PDB file of all heavy atoms in Angstrom:
ATOM      1  N   TYR A   1       0.804  -1.217   0.000  1.00  0.00           N
ATOM      2  CA  TYR A   1       0.000   0.000   0.000  1.00  0.00           C
ATOM      3  C   TYR A   1       0.838   1.269   0.000  1.00  0.00           C
ATOM      4  O   TYR A   1       0.423   2.285  -0.573  1.00  0.00           O
ATOM      5  CB  TYR A   1      -0.960  -0.020   1.193  1.00  0.00           C
ATOM      6  CG  TYR A   1      -1.927  -1.175   1.126  1.00  0.00           C
ATOM      7  CD1 TYR A   1      -1.887  -2.201   2.054  1.00  0.00           C
ATOM      8  CD2 TYR A   1      -2.873  -1.237   0.097  1.00  0.00           C
ATOM      9  CE1 TYR A   1      -2.773  -3.266   1.974  1.00  0.00           C
ATOM     10  CE2 TYR A   1      -3.761  -2.290   0.011  1.00  0.00           C
ATOM     11  CZ  TYR A   1      -3.703  -3.310   0.953  1.00  0.00           C
ATOM     12  OH  TYR A   1      -4.569  -4.369   0.862  1.00  0.00           O
ATOM     13  N   ASN A   2       1.991   1.242   0.631  1.00  0.00           N
ATOM     14  CA  ASN A   2       2.869   2.418   0.591  1.00  0.00           C
ATOM     15  C   ASN A   2       3.338   2.692  -0.825  1.00  0.00           C
ATOM     16  O   ASN A   2       3.387   3.840  -1.284  1.00  0.00           O
ATOM     17  CB  ASN A   2       4.075   2.212   1.517  1.00  0.00           C
ATOM     18  CG  ASN A   2       3.698   2.290   2.984  1.00  0.00           C
ATOM     19  OD1 ASN A   2       2.752   2.989   3.345  1.00  0.00           O
ATOM     20  ND2 ASN A   2       4.416   1.564   3.811  1.00  0.00           N
ATOM     21  N   LYS A   3       3.674   1.608  -1.536  1.00  0.00           N
ATOM     22  CA  LYS A   3       4.121   1.770  -2.923  1.00  0.00           C
ATOM     23  C   LYS A   3       2.962   2.212  -3.810  1.00  0.00           C
ATOM     24  O   LYS A   3       3.143   3.046  -4.710  1.00  0.00           O
ATOM     25  CB  LYS A   3       4.715   0.460  -3.435  1.00  0.00           C
ATOM     26  CG  LYS A   3       5.355   0.585  -4.812  1.00  0.00           C
ATOM     27  CD  LYS A   3       6.055  -0.697  -5.218  1.00  0.00           C
ATOM     28  CE  LYS A   3       6.725  -0.529  -6.582  1.00  0.00           C
ATOM     29  NZ  LYS A   3       7.409  -1.781  -7.005  1.00  0.00           N
ATOM     30  N   ILE A   4       1.774   1.666  -3.564  1.00  0.00           N
ATOM     31  CA  ILE A   4       0.594   2.070  -4.332  1.00  0.00           C
ATOM     32  C   ILE A   4       0.382   3.576  -4.194  1.00  0.00           C
ATOM     33  O   ILE A   4       0.194   4.287  -5.181  1.00  0.00           O
ATOM     34  CB  ILE A   4      -0.668   1.317  -3.853  1.00  0.00           C
ATOM     35  CG1 ILE A   4      -0.575  -0.166  -4.213  1.00  0.00           C
ATOM     36  CG2 ILE A   4      -1.935   1.921  -4.469  1.00  0.00           C
ATOM     37  CD1 ILE A   4      -1.636  -1.022  -3.553  1.00  0.00           C
ATOM     38  N   HIS A   5       0.417   4.049  -2.950  1.00  0.00           N
ATOM     39  CA  HIS A   5       0.203   5.480  -2.697  1.00  0.00           C
ATOM     40  C   HIS A   5       1.261   6.329  -3.393  1.00  0.00           C
ATOM     41  O   HIS A   5       0.943   7.353  -4.023  1.00  0.00           O
ATOM     42  CB  HIS A   5       0.230   5.733  -1.187  1.00  0.00           C
ATOM     43  CG  HIS A   5       0.016   7.170  -0.817  1.00  0.00           C
ATOM     44  ND1 HIS A   5      -1.116   7.868  -1.158  1.00  0.00           N
ATOM     45  CD2 HIS A   5       0.808   8.046  -0.144  1.00  0.00           C
ATOM     46  CE1 HIS A   5      -1.024   9.100  -0.719  1.00  0.00           C
ATOM     47  NE2 HIS A   5       0.133   9.241  -0.105  1.00  0.00           N
ATOM     48  N   LYS A   6       2.498   5.897  -3.322  1.00  0.00           N
ATOM     49  CA  LYS A   6       3.594   6.655  -3.942  1.00  0.00           C
ATOM     50  C   LYS A   6       3.433   6.702  -5.454  1.00  0.00           C
ATOM     51  O   LYS A   6       3.602   7.764  -6.080  1.00  0.00           O
ATOM     52  CB  LYS A   6       4.930   6.010  -3.578  1.00  0.00           C
ATOM     53  CG  LYS A   6       6.135   6.747  -4.138  1.00  0.00           C
ATOM     54  CD  LYS A   6       7.441   6.078  -3.714  1.00  0.00           C
ATOM     55  CE  LYS A   6       8.644   6.820  -4.301  1.00  0.00           C
ATOM     56  NZ  LYS A   6       9.922   6.175  -3.904  1.00  0.00           N
ATOM     57  N   LEU A   7       3.104   5.565  -6.073  1.00  0.00           N
ATOM     58  CA  LEU A   7       2.947   5.523  -7.524  1.00  0.00           C
ATOM     59  C   LEU A   7       1.768   6.366  -7.978  1.00  0.00           C
ATOM     60  O   LEU A   7       1.847   7.078  -8.989  1.00  0.00           O
ATOM     61  CB  LEU A   7       2.776   4.075  -7.992  1.00  0.00           C
ATOM     62  CG  LEU A   7       4.012   3.180  -7.865  1.00  0.00           C
ATOM     63  CD1 LEU A   7       3.672   1.737  -8.219  1.00  0.00           C
ATOM     64  CD2 LEU A   7       5.139   3.688  -8.759  1.00  0.00           C
ATOM     65  N   VAL A   8       0.658   6.295  -7.238  1.00  0.00           N
ATOM     66  CA  VAL A   8      -0.512   7.100  -7.581  1.00  0.00           C
ATOM     67  C   VAL A   8      -0.158   8.583  -7.546  1.00  0.00           C
ATOM     68  O   VAL A   8      -0.515   9.354  -8.454  1.00  0.00           O
ATOM     69  CB  VAL A   8      -1.679   6.806  -6.620  1.00  0.00           C
ATOM     70  CG1 VAL A   8      -2.788   7.852  -6.766  1.00  0.00           C
ATOM     71  CG2 VAL A   8      -2.256   5.414  -6.895  1.00  0.00           C
ATOM     72  N   GLU A   9       0.557   8.993  -6.512  1.00  0.00           N
ATOM     73  CA  GLU A   9       0.947  10.396  -6.401  1.00  0.00           C
ATOM     74  C   GLU A   9       1.892  10.794  -7.539  1.00  0.00           C
ATOM     75  O   GLU A   9       1.806  11.904  -8.078  1.00  0.00           O
ATOM     76  CB  GLU A   9       1.635  10.633  -5.054  1.00  0.00           C
ATOM     77  CG  GLU A   9       0.686  10.557  -3.867  1.00  0.00           C
ATOM     78  CD  GLU A   9      -0.402  11.602  -3.933  1.00  0.00           C
ATOM     79  OE1 GLU A   9      -0.072  12.789  -4.101  1.00  0.00           O
ATOM     80  OE2 GLU A   9      -1.589  11.229  -3.857  1.00  0.00           O
ATOM     81  N   ASN A  10       2.784   9.896  -7.913  1.00  0.00           N
ATOM     82  CA  ASN A  10       3.746  10.197  -8.982  1.00  0.00           C
ATOM     83  C   ASN A  10       3.084  10.282 -10.356  1.00  0.00           C
ATOM     84  O   ASN A  10       3.498  11.062 -11.216  1.00  0.00           O
ATOM     85  CB  ASN A  10       4.846   9.128  -9.023  1.00  0.00           C
ATOM     86  CG  ASN A  10       5.797   9.236  -7.850  1.00  0.00           C
ATOM     87  OD1 ASN A  10       5.849  10.251  -7.167  1.00  0.00           O
ATOM     88  ND2 ASN A  10       6.547   8.176  -7.601  1.00  0.00           N
ATOM     89  N   TYR A  11       2.044   9.457 -10.580  1.00  0.00           N
ATOM     90  CA  TYR A  11       1.432   9.370 -11.901  1.00  0.00           C
ATOM     91  C   TYR A  11       0.263  10.329 -12.098  1.00  0.00           C
ATOM     92  O   TYR A  11      -0.131  10.619 -13.229  1.00  0.00           O
ATOM     93  CB  TYR A  11       0.912   7.948 -12.159  1.00  0.00           C
ATOM     94  CG  TYR A  11       1.958   6.859 -12.157  1.00  0.00           C
ATOM     95  CD1 TYR A  11       1.585   5.521 -12.082  1.00  0.00           C
ATOM     96  CD2 TYR A  11       3.326   7.153 -12.232  1.00  0.00           C
ATOM     97  CE1 TYR A  11       2.540   4.506 -12.085  1.00  0.00           C
ATOM     98  CE2 TYR A  11       4.281   6.155 -12.226  1.00  0.00           C
ATOM     99  CZ  TYR A  11       3.873   4.822 -12.150  1.00  0.00           C
ATOM    100  OH  TYR A  11       4.807   3.819 -12.144  1.00  0.00           O
ATOM    101  N   ARG A  12      -0.311  10.808 -11.009  1.00  0.00           N
ATOM    102  CA  ARG A  12      -1.595  11.516 -11.087  1.00  0.00           C
ATOM    103  C   ARG A  12      -1.584  12.698 -12.047  1.00  0.00           C
ATOM    104  O   ARG A  12      -2.558  12.945 -12.761  1.00  0.00           O
ATOM    105  CB  ARG A  12      -2.001  11.977  -9.688  1.00  0.00           C
ATOM    106  CG  ARG A  12      -3.373  12.662  -9.655  1.00  0.00           C
ATOM    107  CD  ARG A  12      -3.717  13.092  -8.245  1.00  0.00           C
ATOM    108  NE  ARG A  12      -4.132  11.964  -7.435  1.00  0.00           N
ATOM    109  CZ  ARG A  12      -4.000  11.914  -6.102  1.00  0.00           C
ATOM    110  NH1 ARG A  12      -3.417  12.920  -5.472  1.00  0.00           N
ATOM    111  NH2 ARG A  12      -4.445  10.889  -5.434  1.00  0.00           N
ATOM    112  N   LEU A  13      -0.504  13.435 -12.112  1.00  0.00           N
ATOM    113  CA  LEU A  13      -0.445  14.645 -12.944  1.00  0.00           C
ATOM    114  C   LEU A  13       0.124  14.399 -14.334  1.00  0.00           C
ATOM    115  O   LEU A  13       0.209  15.329 -15.138  1.00  0.00           O
ATOM    116  CB  LEU A  13       0.378  15.726 -12.229  1.00  0.00           C
ATOM    117  CG  LEU A  13      -0.188  16.199 -10.885  1.00  0.00           C
ATOM    118  CD1 LEU A  13       0.722  17.252 -10.265  1.00  0.00           C
ATOM    119  CD2 LEU A  13      -1.603  16.737 -11.049  1.00  0.00           C
ATOM    120  N   LEU A  14       0.517  13.166 -14.625  1.00  0.00           N
ATOM    121  CA  LEU A  14       1.053  12.868 -15.957  1.00  0.00           C
ATOM    122  C   LEU A  14      -0.069  12.915 -16.996  1.00  0.00           C
ATOM    123  O   LEU A  14      -1.144  12.356 -16.764  1.00  0.00           O
ATOM    124  CB  LEU A  14       1.717  11.495 -15.963  1.00  0.00           C
ATOM    125  CG  LEU A  14       2.949  11.337 -15.057  1.00  0.00           C
ATOM    126  CD1 LEU A  14       3.463   9.901 -15.119  1.00  0.00           C
ATOM    127  CD2 LEU A  14       4.052  12.303 -15.474  1.00  0.00           C
ATOM    128  N   PRO A  15       0.149  13.531 -18.133  1.00  0.00           N
ATOM    129  CA  PRO A  15      -0.922  13.669 -19.134  1.00  0.00           C
ATOM    130  C   PRO A  15      -1.468  12.340 -19.634  1.00  0.00           C
ATOM    131  O   PRO A  15      -2.649  12.238 -19.947  1.00  0.00           O
ATOM    132  CB  PRO A  15      -0.246  14.463 -20.268  1.00  0.00           C
ATOM    133  CG  PRO A  15       1.220  14.316 -20.042  1.00  0.00           C
ATOM    134  CD  PRO A  15       1.394  14.189 -18.569  1.00  0.00           C
ATOM    135  N   GLU A  16      -0.616  11.309 -19.695  1.00  0.00           N
ATOM    136  CA  GLU A  16      -1.096  10.027 -20.205  1.00  0.00           C
ATOM    137  C   GLU A  16      -2.037   9.318 -19.239  1.00  0.00           C
ATOM    138  O   GLU A  16      -2.675   8.320 -19.593  1.00  0.00           O
ATOM    139  CB  GLU A  16       0.081   9.102 -20.555  1.00  0.00           C
ATOM    140  CG  GLU A  16       0.988   8.750 -19.397  1.00  0.00           C
ATOM    141  CD  GLU A  16       2.199   9.654 -19.313  1.00  0.00           C
ATOM    142  OE1 GLU A  16       2.047  10.864 -19.581  1.00  0.00           O
ATOM    143  OE2 GLU A  16       3.287   9.151 -18.993  1.00  0.00           O
ATOM    144  N   PHE A  17      -2.157   9.826 -18.017  1.00  0.00           N
ATOM    145  CA  PHE A  17      -3.058   9.226 -17.033  1.00  0.00           C
ATOM    146  C   PHE A  17      -4.289  10.096 -16.784  1.00  0.00           C
ATOM    147  O   PHE A  17      -4.942   9.965 -15.751  1.00  0.00           O
ATOM    148  CB  PHE A  17      -2.316   8.975 -15.712  1.00  0.00           C
ATOM    149  CG  PHE A  17      -1.405   7.788 -15.753  1.00  0.00           C
ATOM    150  CD1 PHE A  17      -0.069   7.934 -16.090  1.00  0.00           C
ATOM    151  CD2 PHE A  17      -1.877   6.515 -15.484  1.00  0.00           C
ATOM    152  CE1 PHE A  17       0.783   6.831 -16.143  1.00  0.00           C
ATOM    153  CE2 PHE A  17      -1.039   5.403 -15.536  1.00  0.00           C
ATOM    154  CZ  PHE A  17       0.292   5.566 -15.866  1.00  0.00           C
ATOM    155  N   GLN A  18      -4.622  10.941 -17.750  1.00  0.00           N
ATOM    156  CA  GLN A  18      -5.760  11.833 -17.582  1.00  0.00           C
ATOM    157  C   GLN A  18      -7.054  11.268 -18.154  1.00  0.00           C
ATOM    158  O   GLN A  18      -8.133  11.762 -17.841  1.00  0.00           O
ATOM    159  CB  GLN A  18      -5.459  13.189 -18.217  1.00  0.00           C
ATOM    160  CG  GLN A  18      -4.284  13.922 -17.585  1.00  0.00           C
ATOM    161  CD  GLN A  18      -4.416  14.085 -16.090  1.00  0.00           C
ATOM    162  OE1 GLN A  18      -5.379  14.664 -15.610  1.00  0.00           O
ATOM    163  NE2 GLN A  18      -3.459  13.544 -15.328  1.00  0.00           N
ATOM    164  N   ASN A  19      -6.979  10.260 -19.008  1.00  0.00           N
ATOM    165  CA  ASN A  19      -8.205   9.666 -19.562  1.00  0.00           C
ATOM    166  C   ASN A  19      -7.936   8.244 -20.033  1.00  0.00           C
ATOM    167  O   ASN A  19      -6.817   7.753 -19.948  1.00  0.00           O
ATOM    168  CB  ASN A  19      -8.776  10.519 -20.706  1.00  0.00           C
ATOM    169  CG  ASN A  19      -7.718  10.884 -21.731  1.00  0.00           C
ATOM    170  OD1 ASN A  19      -6.795  10.123 -21.981  1.00  0.00           O
ATOM    171  ND2 ASN A  19      -7.856  12.068 -22.324  1.00  0.00           N
ATOM    172  N   GLY A  20      -9.003   7.588 -20.500  1.00  0.00           N
ATOM    173  CA  GLY A  20      -8.874   6.217 -20.993  1.00  0.00           C
ATOM    174  C   GLY A  20      -8.528   5.225 -19.894  1.00  0.00           C
ATOM    175  O   GLY A  20      -8.692   5.486 -18.699  1.00  0.00           O
ATOM    176  N   GLU A  21      -8.061   4.039 -20.293  1.00  0.00           N
ATOM    177  CA  GLU A  21      -7.756   2.981 -19.345  1.00  0.00           C
ATOM    178  C   GLU A  21      -6.650   3.341 -18.356  1.00  0.00           C
ATOM    179  O   GLU A  21      -6.725   2.960 -17.184  1.00  0.00           O
ATOM    180  CB  GLU A  21      -7.426   1.690 -20.084  1.00  0.00           C
ATOM    181  CG  GLU A  21      -8.662   0.998 -20.620  1.00  0.00           C
ATOM    182  CD  GLU A  21      -8.364  -0.376 -21.197  1.00  0.00           C
ATOM    183  OE1 GLU A  21      -7.310  -0.540 -21.826  1.00  0.00           O
ATOM    184  OE2 GLU A  21      -9.201  -1.270 -21.007  1.00  0.00           O
ATOM    185  N   PRO A  22      -5.580   4.078 -18.775  1.00  0.00           N
ATOM    186  CA  PRO A  22      -4.565   4.457 -17.777  1.00  0.00           C
ATOM    187  C   PRO A  22      -5.163   5.258 -16.621  1.00  0.00           C
ATOM    188  O   PRO A  22      -4.832   5.035 -15.462  1.00  0.00           O
ATOM    189  CB  PRO A  22      -3.565   5.281 -18.591  1.00  0.00           C
ATOM    190  CG  PRO A  22      -3.685   4.744 -19.981  1.00  0.00           C
ATOM    191  CD  PRO A  22      -5.149   4.444 -20.143  1.00  0.00           C
ATOM    192  N   MET A  23      -6.067   6.205 -16.948  1.00  0.00           N
ATOM    193  CA  MET A  23      -6.732   6.984 -15.908  1.00  0.00           C
ATOM    194  C   MET A  23      -7.546   6.078 -15.000  1.00  0.00           C
ATOM    195  O   MET A  23      -7.496   6.196 -13.767  1.00  0.00           O
ATOM    196  CB  MET A  23      -7.644   8.032 -16.549  1.00  0.00           C
ATOM    197  CG  MET A  23      -8.486   8.849 -15.562  1.00  0.00           C
ATOM    198  SD  MET A  23     -10.070   8.067 -15.102  1.00  0.00           S
ATOM    199  CE  MET A  23     -10.988   8.246 -16.625  1.00  0.00           C
ATOM    200  N   GLN A  24      -8.283   5.135 -15.588  1.00  0.00           N
ATOM    201  CA  GLN A  24      -9.102   4.232 -14.789  1.00  0.00           C
ATOM    202  C   GLN A  24      -8.249   3.367 -13.872  1.00  0.00           C
ATOM    203  O   GLN A  24      -8.596   3.138 -12.711  1.00  0.00           O
ATOM    204  CB  GLN A  24      -9.946   3.344 -15.716  1.00  0.00           C
ATOM    205  CG  GLN A  24     -11.020   4.105 -16.479  1.00  0.00           C
ATOM    206  CD  GLN A  24     -11.804   3.186 -17.392  1.00  0.00           C
ATOM    207  OE1 GLN A  24     -11.249   2.359 -18.102  1.00  0.00           O
ATOM    208  NE2 GLN A  24     -13.117   3.328 -17.381  1.00  0.00           N
ATOM    209  N   PHE A  25      -7.141   2.891 -14.390  1.00  0.00           N
ATOM    210  CA  PHE A  25      -6.277   2.027 -13.598  1.00  0.00           C
ATOM    211  C   PHE A  25      -5.673   2.798 -12.432  1.00  0.00           C
ATOM    212  O   PHE A  25      -5.584   2.294 -11.303  1.00  0.00           O
ATOM    213  CB  PHE A  25      -5.158   1.446 -14.471  1.00  0.00           C
ATOM    214  CG  PHE A  25      -4.592   0.172 -13.940  1.00  0.00           C
ATOM    215  CD1 PHE A  25      -5.139  -1.048 -14.285  1.00  0.00           C
ATOM    216  CD2 PHE A  25      -3.510   0.188 -13.076  1.00  0.00           C
ATOM    217  CE1 PHE A  25      -4.629  -2.226 -13.779  1.00  0.00           C
ATOM    218  CE2 PHE A  25      -2.984  -0.994 -12.563  1.00  0.00           C
ATOM    219  CZ  PHE A  25      -3.549  -2.205 -12.920  1.00  0.00           C
ATOM    220  N   LEU A  26      -5.267   4.020 -12.680  1.00  0.00           N
ATOM    221  CA  LEU A  26      -4.703   4.851 -11.617  1.00  0.00           C
ATOM    222  C   LEU A  26      -5.753   5.141 -10.551  1.00  0.00           C
ATOM    223  O   LEU A  26      -5.472   5.086  -9.351  1.00  0.00           O
ATOM    224  CB  LEU A  26      -4.175   6.159 -12.204  1.00  0.00           C
ATOM    225  CG  LEU A  26      -3.397   7.055 -11.246  1.00  0.00           C
ATOM    226  CD1 LEU A  26      -2.130   6.359 -10.758  1.00  0.00           C
ATOM    227  CD2 LEU A  26      -3.038   8.366 -11.926  1.00  0.00           C
ATOM    228  N   LYS A  27      -6.969   5.438 -10.981  1.00  0.00           N
ATOM    229  CA  LYS A  27      -8.049   5.699 -10.028  1.00  0.00           C
ATOM    230  C   LYS A  27      -8.347   4.451  -9.202  1.00  0.00           C
ATOM    231  O   LYS A  27      -8.657   4.546  -8.003  1.00  0.00           O
ATOM    232  CB  LYS A  27      -9.299   6.154 -10.773  1.00  0.00           C
ATOM    233  CG  LYS A  27      -9.170   7.504 -11.443  1.00  0.00           C
ATOM    234  CD  LYS A  27     -10.033   8.535 -10.776  1.00  0.00           C
ATOM    235  CE  LYS A  27      -9.965   9.869 -11.501  1.00  0.00           C
ATOM    236  NZ  LYS A  27     -10.571  10.933 -10.701  1.00  0.00           N
ATOM    237  N   TYR A  28      -8.247   3.286  -9.834  1.00  0.00           N
ATOM    238  CA  TYR A  28      -8.472   2.053  -9.076  1.00  0.00           C
ATOM    239  C   TYR A  28      -7.417   1.914  -7.984  1.00  0.00           C
ATOM    240  O   TYR A  28      -7.737   1.552  -6.841  1.00  0.00           O
ATOM    241  CB  TYR A  28      -8.448   0.834  -9.994  1.00  0.00           C
ATOM    242  CG  TYR A  28      -8.514  -0.460  -9.215  1.00  0.00           C
ATOM    243  CD1 TYR A  28      -9.644  -0.778  -8.466  1.00  0.00           C
ATOM    244  CD2 TYR A  28      -7.443  -1.346  -9.203  1.00  0.00           C
ATOM    245  CE1 TYR A  28      -9.701  -1.948  -7.732  1.00  0.00           C
ATOM    246  CE2 TYR A  28      -7.499  -2.516  -8.467  1.00  0.00           C
ATOM    247  CZ  TYR A  28      -8.628  -2.815  -7.736  1.00  0.00           C
ATOM    248  OH  TYR A  28      -8.683  -3.967  -6.995  1.00  0.00           O
ATOM    249  N   GLY A  29      -6.150   2.190  -8.315  1.00  0.00           N
ATOM    250  CA  GLY A  29      -5.096   2.140  -7.305  1.00  0.00           C
ATOM    251  C   GLY A  29      -5.386   3.099  -6.161  1.00  0.00           C
ATOM    252  O   GLY A  29      -5.185   2.772  -4.982  1.00  0.00           O
ATOM    253  N   GLU A  30      -5.893   4.271  -6.511  1.00  0.00           N
ATOM    254  CA  GLU A  30      -6.244   5.266  -5.489  1.00  0.00           C
ATOM    255  C   GLU A  30      -7.401   4.759  -4.625  1.00  0.00           C
ATOM    256  O   GLU A  30      -7.400   4.936  -3.400  1.00  0.00           O
ATOM    257  CB  GLU A  30      -6.623   6.577  -6.176  1.00  0.00           C
ATOM    258  CG  GLU A  30      -6.757   7.755  -5.253  1.00  0.00           C
ATOM    259  CD  GLU A  30      -6.962   9.066  -6.000  1.00  0.00           C
ATOM    260  OE1 GLU A  30      -6.998   9.039  -7.249  1.00  0.00           O
ATOM    261  OE2 GLU A  30      -7.076  10.105  -5.326  1.00  0.00           O
ATOM    262  N   CYS A  31      -8.374   4.096  -5.260  1.00  0.00           N
ATOM    263  CA  CYS A  31      -9.508   3.528  -4.525  1.00  0.00           C
ATOM    264  C   CYS A  31      -9.042   2.491  -3.510  1.00  0.00           C
ATOM    265  O   CYS A  31      -9.504   2.468  -2.362  1.00  0.00           O
ATOM    266  CB  CYS A  31     -10.482   2.855  -5.492  1.00  0.00           C
ATOM    267  SG  CYS A  31     -11.430   3.976  -6.500  1.00  0.00           S
ATOM    268  N   VAL A  32      -8.143   1.614  -3.939  1.00  0.00           N
ATOM    269  CA  VAL A  32      -7.633   0.572  -3.054  1.00  0.00           C
ATOM    270  C   VAL A  32      -6.964   1.199  -1.837  1.00  0.00           C
ATOM    271  O   VAL A  32      -7.162   0.760  -0.700  1.00  0.00           O
ATOM    272  CB  VAL A  32      -6.643  -0.344  -3.804  1.00  0.00           C
ATOM    273  CG1 VAL A  32      -5.924  -1.279  -2.833  1.00  0.00           C
ATOM    274  CG2 VAL A  32      -7.379  -1.153  -4.869  1.00  0.00           C
TER     275      VAL A  32
END
């Protein structure tokens, strides 16, 4: 969970994670 939180924080502002499946996957990590 510590790594999940760190990765979510690192990826959240990246443009490739703003929509589509990458965005959904990142949001799922945040949900967990």
